[in-house]
C-alpha atoms as a PDB file:
ATOM      1  CA  UNK A   1     -27.670  -3.399 -34.894  1.00  0.00           C
ATOM      2  CA  UNK A   2     -28.722  -5.031 -38.124  1.00  0.00           C
ATOM      3  CA  UNK A   3     -31.025  -8.147 -37.675  1.00  0.00           C
ATOM      4  CA  UNK A   4     -32.763 -10.675 -40.554  1.00  0.00           C
ATOM      5  CA  UNK A   5     -36.081 -10.043 -41.375  1.00  0.00           C
ATOM      6  CA  UNK A   6     -38.850 -11.344 -39.488  1.00  0.00           C
ATOM      7  CA  UNK A   7     -42.972 -11.251 -39.810  1.00  0.00           C
ATOM      8  CA  UNK A   8     -43.308  -9.335 -36.693  1.00  0.00           C
ATOM      9  CA  UNK A   9     -40.869  -6.635 -37.788  1.00  0.00           C
ATOM     10  CA  UNK A  10     -42.541  -6.979 -41.458  1.00  0.00           C
ATOM     11  CA  UNK A  11     -40.167  -9.524 -43.257  1.00  0.00           C
ATOM     12  CA  UNK A  12     -40.304 -13.147 -43.645  1.00  0.00           C
ATOM     13  CA  UNK A  13     -41.961 -15.084 -41.468  1.00  0.00           C
ATOM     14  CA  UNK A  14     -40.991 -17.530 -39.089  1.00  0.00           C
ATOM     15  CA  UNK A  15     -44.074 -19.317 -37.910  1.00  0.00           C
ATOM     16  CA  UNK A  16     -44.987 -21.105 -34.467  1.00  0.00           C
ATOM     17  CA  UNK A  17     -46.480 -19.773 -31.075  1.00  0.00           C
ATOM     18  CA  UNK A  18     -43.398 -17.699 -30.432  1.00  0.00           C
ATOM     19  CA  UNK A  19     -41.741 -20.113 -27.872  1.00  0.00           C
ATOM     20  CA  UNK A  20     -41.769 -23.049 -30.510  1.00  0.00           C
ATOM     21  CA  UNK A  21     -44.104 -25.180 -27.724  1.00  0.00           C
ATOM     22  CA  UNK A  22     -45.917 -27.765 -29.127  1.00  0.00           C
ATOM     23  CA  UNK A  23     -48.980 -28.222 -27.435  1.00  0.00           C
ATOM     24  CA  UNK A  24     -50.502 -31.467 -26.611  1.00  0.00           C
ATOM     25  CA  UNK A  25     -54.095 -32.447 -27.188  1.00  0.00           C
ATOM     26  CA  UNK A  26     -55.699 -35.254 -24.606  1.00  0.00           C
ATOM     27  CA  UNK A  27     -59.157 -36.683 -24.077  1.00  0.00           C
ATOM     28  CA  UNK A  28     -61.325 -37.598 -26.803  1.00  0.00           C
ATOM     29  CA  UNK A  29     -61.114 -39.607 -29.960  1.00  0.00           C
ATOM     30  CA  UNK A  30     -58.000 -39.241 -32.073  1.00  0.00           C
ATOM     31  CA  UNK A  31     -59.542 -37.855 -35.408  1.00  0.00           C
ATOM     32  CA  UNK A  32     -61.166 -35.076 -33.199  1.00  0.00           C
ATOM     33  CA  UNK A  33     -58.281 -34.185 -31.710  1.00  0.00           C
ATOM     34  CA  UNK A  34     -56.417 -34.092 -34.958  1.00  0.00           C
ATOM     35  CA  UNK A  35     -59.349 -31.882 -36.144  1.00  0.00           C
ATOM     36  CA  UNK A  36     -58.970 -29.404 -33.413  1.00  0.00           C
ATOM     37  CA  UNK A  37     -54.742 -29.484 -34.138  1.00  0.00           C
ATOM     38  CA  UNK A  38     -55.741 -28.349 -37.883  1.00  0.00           C
ATOM     39  CA  UNK A  39     -57.949 -25.564 -36.281  1.00  0.00           C
ATOM     40  CA  UNK A  40     -55.713 -24.442 -33.983  1.00  0.00           C
ATOM     41  CA  UNK A  41     -53.150 -24.167 -36.590  1.00  0.00           C
ATOM     42  CA  UNK A  42     -54.919 -21.291 -38.024  1.00  0.00           C
ATOM     43  CA  UNK A  43     -54.376 -19.159 -35.281  1.00  0.00           C
ATOM     44  CA  UNK A  44     -50.442 -20.075 -34.645  1.00  0.00           C
ATOM     45  CA  UNK A  45     -50.968 -22.808 -32.329  1.00  0.00           C
ATOM     46  CA  UNK A  46     -48.838 -26.125 -33.044  1.00  0.00           C
ATOM     47  CA  UNK A  47     -50.486 -29.102 -31.427  1.00  0.00           C
ATOM     48  CA  UNK A  48     -50.791 -32.677 -31.895  1.00  0.00           C
ATOM     49  CA  UNK A  49     -52.823 -35.661 -30.247  1.00  0.00           C
ATOM     50  CA  UNK A  50     -51.288 -37.170 -27.065  1.00  0.00           C
ATOM     51  CA  UNK A  51     -52.745 -40.286 -25.908  1.00  0.00           C
ATOM     52  CA  UNK A  52     -49.673 -41.688 -23.372  1.00  0.00           C
ATOM     53  CA  UNK A  53     -49.347 -41.427 -19.678  1.00  0.00           C
ATOM     54  CA  UNK A  54     -49.343 -37.767 -18.025  1.00  0.00           C
ATOM     55  CA  UNK A  55     -46.075 -38.354 -16.399  1.00  0.00           C
ATOM     56  CA  UNK A  56     -44.454 -38.600 -20.111  1.00  0.00           C
ATOM     57  CA  UNK A  57     -45.774 -34.838 -20.828  1.00  0.00           C
ATOM     58  CA  UNK A  58     -44.985 -33.060 -17.700  1.00  0.00           C
ATOM     59  CA  UNK A  59     -42.563 -30.268 -19.359  1.00  0.00           C
ATOM     60  CA  UNK A  60     -45.052 -30.025 -22.455  1.00  0.00           C
ATOM     61  CA  UNK A  61     -47.995 -27.602 -22.832  1.00  0.00           C
ATOM     62  CA  UNK A  62     -51.239 -29.324 -22.858  1.00  0.00           C
ATOM     63  CA  UNK A  63     -54.970 -28.919 -23.607  1.00  0.00           C
ATOM     64  CA  UNK A  64     -57.044 -31.339 -22.094  1.00  0.00           C
ATOM     65  CA  UNK A  65     -60.948 -32.053 -22.668  1.00  0.00           C
ATOM     66  CA  UNK A  66     -62.688 -31.919 -19.135  1.00  0.00           C
ATOM     67  CA  UNK A  67     -65.421 -33.623 -20.588  1.00  0.00           C
ATOM     68  CA  UNK A  68     -63.328 -36.863 -20.777  1.00  0.00           C
ATOM     69  CA  UNK A  69     -63.849 -37.047 -16.845  1.00  0.00           C
ATOM     70  CA  UNK A  70     -61.341 -40.114 -16.698  1.00  0.00           C
ATOM     71  CA  UNK A  71     -58.756 -38.741 -18.694  1.00  0.00           C
ATOM     72  CA  UNK A  72     -59.207 -35.581 -16.914  1.00  0.00           C
ATOM     73  CA  UNK A  73     -58.758 -36.731 -13.357  1.00  0.00           C
ATOM     74  CA  UNK A  74     -55.365 -38.424 -14.577  1.00  0.00           C
ATOM     75  CA  UNK A  75     -54.369 -35.004 -15.430  1.00  0.00           C
ATOM     76  CA  UNK A  76     -55.688 -33.216 -12.438  1.00  0.00           C
ATOM     77  CA  UNK A  77     -53.938 -35.966 -10.241  1.00  0.00           C
ATOM     78  CA  UNK A  78     -50.568 -35.287 -12.376  1.00  0.00           C
ATOM     79  CA  UNK A  79     -51.035 -31.178 -11.622  1.00  0.00           C
ATOM     80  CA  UNK A  80     -48.636 -30.820  -8.668  1.00  0.00           C
ATOM     81  CA  UNK A  81     -45.740 -32.643 -10.747  1.00  0.00           C
ATOM     82  CA  UNK A  82     -46.284 -30.425 -13.964  1.00  0.00           C
ATOM     83  CA  UNK A  83     -43.802 -27.408 -15.011  1.00  0.00           C
ATOM     84  CA  UNK A  84     -45.978 -26.369 -18.141  1.00  0.00           C
ATOM     85  CA  UNK A  85     -49.372 -24.960 -18.421  1.00  0.00           C
ATOM     86  CA  UNK A  86     -52.306 -27.322 -18.547  1.00  0.00           C
ATOM     87  CA  UNK A  87     -55.599 -25.687 -19.845  1.00  0.00           C
ATOM     88  CA  UNK A  88     -59.053 -27.472 -19.629  1.00  0.00           C
ATOM     89  CA  UNK A  89     -61.777 -27.194 -22.086  1.00  0.00           C
ATOM     90  CA  UNK A  90     -65.480 -28.388 -21.636  1.00  0.00           C
ATOM     91  CA  UNK A  91     -66.020 -27.438 -17.979  1.00  0.00           C
ATOM     92  CA  UNK A  92     -69.233 -26.847 -18.031  1.00  0.00           C
ATOM     93  CA  UNK A  93     -70.148 -24.514 -14.924  1.00  0.00           C
ATOM     94  CA  UNK A  94     -68.315 -21.551 -13.319  1.00  0.00           C
ATOM     95  CA  UNK A  95     -67.460 -23.989  -9.990  1.00  0.00           C
ATOM     96  CA  UNK A  96     -66.117 -26.601 -12.402  1.00  0.00           C
ATOM     97  CA  UNK A  97     -63.877 -23.938 -13.789  1.00  0.00           C
ATOM     98  CA  UNK A  98     -62.918 -22.480 -10.607  1.00  0.00           C
ATOM     99  CA  UNK A  99     -61.671 -25.914  -9.051  1.00  0.00           C
ATOM    100  CA  UNK A 100     -59.638 -26.707 -12.074  1.00  0.00           C
ATOM    101  CA  UNK A 101     -58.085 -23.137 -11.758  1.00  0.00           C
ATOM    102  CA  UNK A 102     -57.536 -23.547  -8.158  1.00  0.00           C
ATOM    103  CA  UNK A 103     -56.073 -27.384  -8.724  1.00  0.00           C
ATOM    104  CA  UNK A 104     -53.755 -25.666 -10.570  1.00  0.00           C
ATOM    105  CA  UNK A 105     -54.668 -25.876 -14.502  1.00  0.00           C
ATOM    106  CA  UNK A 106     -53.334 -22.582 -15.974  1.00  0.00           C
ATOM    107  CA  UNK A 107     -57.129 -21.811 -17.566  1.00  0.00           C
ATOM    108  CA  UNK A 108     -59.836 -23.700 -17.852  1.00  0.00           C
ATOM    109  CA  UNK A 109     -62.897 -22.799 -20.351  1.00  0.00           C
ATOM    110  CA  UNK A 110     -66.376 -23.885 -21.484  1.00  0.00           C
ATOM    111  CA  UNK A 111     -66.672 -26.330 -24.661  1.00  0.00           C
ATOM    112  CA  UNK A 112     -68.610 -23.307 -26.086  1.00  0.00           C
ATOM    113  CA  UNK A 113     -65.443 -20.673 -26.491  1.00  0.00           C
ATOM    114  CA  UNK A 114     -64.587 -19.492 -29.767  1.00  0.00           C
ATOM    115  CA  UNK A 115     -61.736 -21.084 -31.254  1.00  0.00           C
ATOM    116  CA  UNK A 116     -59.778 -17.626 -31.703  1.00  0.00           C
ATOM    117  CA  UNK A 117     -60.360 -17.185 -28.034  1.00  0.00           C
ATOM    118  CA  UNK A 118     -58.902 -20.579 -26.925  1.00  0.00           C
ATOM    119  CA  UNK A 119     -55.947 -20.221 -28.895  1.00  0.00           C
ATOM    120  CA  UNK A 120     -55.123 -16.701 -27.321  1.00  0.00           C
ATOM    121  CA  UNK A 121     -55.790 -18.022 -23.756  1.00  0.00           C
ATOM    122  CA  UNK A 122     -53.513 -20.892 -24.785  1.00  0.00           C
ATOM    123  CA  UNK A 123     -50.733 -18.531 -25.979  1.00  0.00           C
ATOM    124  CA  UNK A 124     -51.316 -16.505 -22.787  1.00  0.00           C
ATOM    125  CA  UNK A 125     -50.625 -19.472 -20.345  1.00  0.00           C
ATOM    126  CA  UNK A 126     -47.737 -20.381 -22.491  1.00  0.00           C
ATOM    127  CA  UNK A 127     -46.332 -16.977 -22.235  1.00  0.00           C
ATOM    128  CA  UNK A 128     -47.219 -16.692 -18.560  1.00  0.00           C
ATOM    129  CA  UNK A 129     -45.388 -19.332 -17.882  1.00  0.00           C
ATOM    130  CA  UNK A 130     -42.298 -18.687 -20.130  1.00  0.00           C
ATOM    131  CA  UNK A 131     -42.168 -15.335 -17.912  1.00  0.00           C
ATOM    132  CA  UNK A 132     -42.294 -17.524 -14.661  1.00  0.00           C
ATOM    133  CA  UNK A 133     -39.329 -19.160 -15.807  1.00  0.00           C
ATOM    134  CA  UNK A 134     -37.089 -15.896 -17.126  1.00  0.00           C
ATOM    135  CA  UNK A 135     -37.916 -16.771 -20.360  1.00  0.00           C
ATOM    136  CA  UNK A 136     -39.678 -13.312 -22.746  1.00  0.00           C
ATOM    137  CA  UNK A 137     -40.171 -14.662 -26.238  1.00  0.00           C
ATOM    138  CA  UNK A 138     -41.040 -12.087 -29.109  1.00  0.00           C
ATOM    139  CA  UNK A 139     -40.156 -12.026 -33.033  1.00  0.00           C
ATOM    140  CA  UNK A 140     -37.515 -14.340 -33.349  1.00  0.00           C
ATOM    141  CA  UNK A 141     -35.933 -12.815 -29.833  1.00  0.00           C
ATOM    142  CA  UNK A 142     -35.464 -15.102 -27.133  1.00  0.00           C
ATOM    143  CA  UNK A 143     -34.493 -13.853 -23.597  1.00  0.00           C
ATOM    144  CA  UNK A 144     -33.215 -15.358 -20.538  1.00  0.00           C
ATOM    145  CA  UNK A 145     -33.537 -12.709 -17.717  1.00  0.00           C
ATOM    146  CA  UNK A 146     -31.740 -15.199 -15.333  1.00  0.00           C
ATOM    147  CA  UNK A 147     -28.273 -15.294 -17.522  1.00  0.00           C
ATOM    148  CA  UNK A 148     -29.241 -12.001 -18.863  1.00  0.00           C
ATOM    149  CA  UNK A 149     -28.685 -13.177 -22.286  1.00  0.00           C
ATOM    150  CA  UNK A 150     -30.824 -12.551 -25.608  1.00  0.00           C
ATOM    151  CA  UNK A 151     -30.691 -14.739 -28.680  1.00  0.00           C
ATOM    152  CA  UNK A 152     -31.767 -13.841 -32.138  1.00  0.00           C
ATOM    153  CA  UNK A 153     -33.112 -16.990 -33.952  1.00  0.00           C
ATOM    154  CA  UNK A 154     -30.699 -19.274 -31.788  1.00  0.00           C
ATOM    155  CA  UNK A 155     -27.596 -17.159 -32.325  1.00  0.00           C
ATOM    156  CA  UNK A 156     -26.472 -15.332 -28.792  1.00  0.00           C
ATOM    157  CA  UNK A 157     -26.431 -11.552 -28.988  1.00  0.00           C
ATOM    158  CA  UNK A 158     -23.621  -9.916 -27.415  1.00  0.00           C
ATOM    159  CA  UNK A 159     -25.201  -6.497 -26.037  1.00  0.00           C
ATOM    160  CA  UNK A 160     -24.325  -3.754 -23.459  1.00  0.00           C
ATOM    161  CA  UNK A 161     -26.239  -3.831 -20.202  1.00  0.00           C
ATOM    162  CA  UNK A 162     -28.378  -0.741 -21.507  1.00  0.00           C
ATOM    163  CA  UNK A 163     -28.966  -2.458 -24.578  1.00  0.00           C
ATOM    164  CA  UNK A 164     -30.141  -5.678 -23.129  1.00  0.00           C
ATOM    165  CA  UNK A 165     -32.685  -3.833 -20.710  1.00  0.00           C
ATOM    166  CA  UNK A 166     -33.655  -1.601 -23.282  1.00  0.00           C
ATOM    167  CA  UNK A 167     -34.822  -4.531 -25.952  1.00  0.00           C
ATOM    168  CA  UNK A 168     -36.102  -6.567 -22.901  1.00  0.00           C
ATOM    169  CA  UNK A 169     -38.578  -3.856 -22.029  1.00  0.00           C
ATOM    170  CA  UNK A 170     -39.889  -3.173 -25.480  1.00  0.00           C
ATOM    171  CA  UNK A 171     -40.152  -6.896 -26.039  1.00  0.00           C
ATOM    172  CA  UNK A 172     -42.522  -7.297 -22.725  1.00  0.00           C
ATOM    173  CA  UNK A 173     -44.600  -4.364 -24.217  1.00  0.00           C
ATOM    174  CA  UNK A 174     -45.152  -5.740 -27.519  1.00  0.00           C
ATOM    175  CA  UNK A 175     -47.301  -3.014 -29.704  1.00  0.00           C
ATOM    176  CA  UNK A 176     -47.226  -0.380 -27.308  1.00  0.00           C
ATOM    177  CA  UNK A 177     -45.576   2.935 -27.712  1.00  0.00           C
ATOM    178  CA  UNK A 178     -42.530   3.129 -24.715  1.00  0.00           C
END
């Protein structure tokens, strides 16, 4: 089977976070959030500032500044209704981080975290969320494990069951020899 080239396979780049999720950045001033979005873009995270009600973003991944207590409490109260990851940055103590994660946040980190590690944690939270929904994304492939369908850059592929299972197994373990 032949596929168009892809950066992860040594071909042309496709860009994005793999799942296509655009992260929303909340808490703090708009200029600071725009700066954070630019920095995260260097690590493959597509992000934009967001200043509306948490109910308007229940299905979008969010990075929230926990140091903005009023904003953070709005997002904490909305956690039971969310269907997308919520990551808190700026949680100063291990107790605060534990309470945020216990409340339902995908992750909570200190403000002293490196941007590369923050981006990796955001990607991991997004991958975990996608996997819980039965979706796996890698190198232009999108798997829906509930429907047992695979798409390559938006085109549904017709695969035999064994081909599907093998490709899915490889996609779930990127970079490992199988």
